[in-house]
């Protein structure tokens, strides 16, 4: 974070891991971040573990412009969620935790929900 309280470099990363309701909370928080003129316009909502259940009801109309939703394929397999059941705007990665590590190495700002 810069001295003037603005975000710089990498994206803001919201991590939903524990509960499906964290996905809805992440959408609301992402909207707040995206509407703040002093913060980054790149926000990721990474969903893994048991929070993956919250992706079932998510549709593209719920996803604010500027937010990228990322779902963990491993968690999807564990919870019996096929990729075809997700809205096409949700990006699926092989491992949510590996994706998080990669983003943090690229100077992402991590917030656990």
Protein backbone atom coordinates (compact mmCIF):
# COMPACT_ATOMS: atom_id res chain seq x y z
CA UNK A 1 0.00 0.00 0.00
CA UNK A 2 1.39 3.39 -0.92
CA UNK A 3 1.80 6.24 1.57
CA UNK A 4 -1.29 7.97 0.18
CA UNK A 5 -3.47 4.95 1.10
CA UNK A 6 -3.98 3.81 -2.48
CA UNK A 7 -3.58 0.24 -3.69
CA UNK A 8 -0.83 -0.42 -6.19
CA UNK A 9 0.76 -3.29 -8.06
CA UNK A 10 -1.22 -6.51 -7.91
CA UNK A 11 -4.92 -7.25 -7.55
CA UNK A 12 -6.96 -7.30 -4.36
CA UNK A 13 -7.54 -10.98 -3.58
CA UNK A 14 -10.64 -11.96 -1.60
CA UNK A 15 -10.42 -15.57 -0.41
CA UNK A 16 -13.62 -17.50 0.37
CA UNK A 17 -12.74 -20.81 1.96
CA UNK A 18 -14.93 -21.86 4.87
CA UNK A 19 -18.58 -21.26 4.06
CA UNK A 20 -20.72 -20.88 0.95
CA UNK A 21 -22.09 -17.60 2.33
CA UNK A 22 -18.57 -16.17 2.04
CA UNK A 23 -19.10 -16.05 -1.73
CA UNK A 24 -22.03 -13.61 -1.41
CA UNK A 25 -20.07 -11.59 1.14
CA UNK A 26 -17.11 -11.53 -1.24
CA UNK A 27 -19.31 -10.18 -4.04
CA UNK A 28 -20.51 -7.33 -1.82
CA UNK A 29 -17.01 -6.48 -0.63
CA UNK A 30 -15.65 -6.62 -4.18
CA UNK A 31 -18.31 -4.15 -5.28
CA UNK A 32 -17.25 -1.76 -2.48
CA UNK A 33 -13.59 -2.06 -3.46
CA UNK A 34 -14.30 -1.59 -7.16
CA UNK A 35 -16.34 1.56 -6.48
CA UNK A 36 -13.59 3.15 -4.38
CA UNK A 37 -11.63 5.49 -6.67
CA UNK A 38 -8.51 5.15 -4.51
CA UNK A 39 -8.24 1.38 -4.78
CA UNK A 40 -7.28 -1.17 -7.40
CA UNK A 41 -9.65 -1.91 -10.24
CA UNK A 42 -8.56 -5.56 -10.32
CA UNK A 43 -10.26 -7.75 -7.74
CA UNK A 44 -10.19 -11.54 -7.57
CA UNK A 45 -12.60 -13.66 -5.55
CA UNK A 46 -10.94 -17.04 -5.08
CA UNK A 47 -13.26 -19.79 -3.87
CA UNK A 48 -12.06 -23.13 -2.54
CA UNK A 49 -12.58 -25.73 0.20
CA UNK A 50 -16.17 -25.85 1.56
CA UNK A 51 -17.02 -22.33 0.32
CA UNK A 52 -17.12 -23.82 -3.20
CA UNK A 53 -20.78 -24.70 -2.50
CA UNK A 54 -21.54 -20.97 -2.79
CA UNK A 55 -20.64 -21.01 -6.49
CA UNK A 56 -23.63 -23.21 -7.38
CA UNK A 57 -26.12 -20.33 -7.19
CA UNK A 58 -23.81 -17.66 -8.60
CA UNK A 59 -24.68 -16.25 -12.01
CA UNK A 60 -22.99 -13.70 -14.22
CA UNK A 61 -25.44 -10.95 -13.29
CA UNK A 62 -24.19 -11.20 -9.68
CA UNK A 63 -20.56 -10.57 -10.66
CA UNK A 64 -19.64 -6.87 -10.70
CA UNK A 65 -17.60 -5.50 -13.60
CA UNK A 66 -13.91 -5.71 -12.70
CA UNK A 67 -14.28 -8.79 -10.49
CA UNK A 68 -12.82 -12.12 -11.57
CA UNK A 69 -14.27 -15.14 -9.75
CA UNK A 70 -11.93 -18.12 -9.56
CA UNK A 71 -13.09 -21.59 -8.45
CA UNK A 72 -10.86 -24.45 -7.35
CA UNK A 73 -11.31 -27.59 -9.51
CA UNK A 74 -10.10 -29.83 -6.69
CA UNK A 75 -12.78 -28.50 -4.32
CA UNK A 76 -15.36 -28.81 -7.10
CA UNK A 77 -14.50 -32.50 -7.54
CA UNK A 78 -14.64 -33.07 -3.77
CA UNK A 79 -18.12 -31.51 -3.60
CA UNK A 80 -19.43 -33.06 -6.81
CA UNK A 81 -19.75 -29.80 -8.74
CA UNK A 82 -19.13 -30.19 -12.48
CA UNK A 83 -17.65 -27.19 -14.33
CA UNK A 84 -20.76 -27.20 -16.53
CA UNK A 85 -22.86 -26.32 -13.44
CA UNK A 86 -21.04 -23.00 -13.01
CA UNK A 87 -21.72 -19.74 -14.76
CA UNK A 88 -19.30 -19.33 -17.68
CA UNK A 89 -17.90 -16.12 -16.12
CA UNK A 90 -16.41 -18.21 -13.29
CA UNK A 91 -12.84 -19.24 -14.06
CA UNK A 92 -11.81 -22.71 -12.91
CA UNK A 93 -8.20 -23.35 -11.90
CA UNK A 94 -6.68 -26.73 -11.01
CA UNK A 95 -5.83 -25.68 -7.45
CA UNK A 96 -7.18 -22.65 -5.61
CA UNK A 97 -4.34 -22.66 -3.09
CA UNK A 98 -1.67 -22.73 -5.82
CA UNK A 99 -3.48 -19.89 -7.61
CA UNK A 100 -3.51 -17.86 -4.37
CA UNK A 101 0.22 -18.43 -3.90
CA UNK A 102 0.92 -17.32 -7.46
CA UNK A 103 -1.13 -14.15 -7.03
CA UNK A 104 0.56 -13.27 -3.76
CA UNK A 105 3.97 -13.71 -5.38
CA UNK A 106 2.77 -11.20 -8.00
CA UNK A 107 2.15 -8.59 -5.26
CA UNK A 108 -1.53 -9.29 -4.72
CA UNK A 109 -3.26 -7.87 -1.64
CA UNK A 110 -4.74 -10.85 0.25
CA UNK A 111 -7.92 -10.67 2.36
CA UNK A 112 -9.41 -13.80 3.87
CA UNK A 113 -13.18 -13.72 4.27
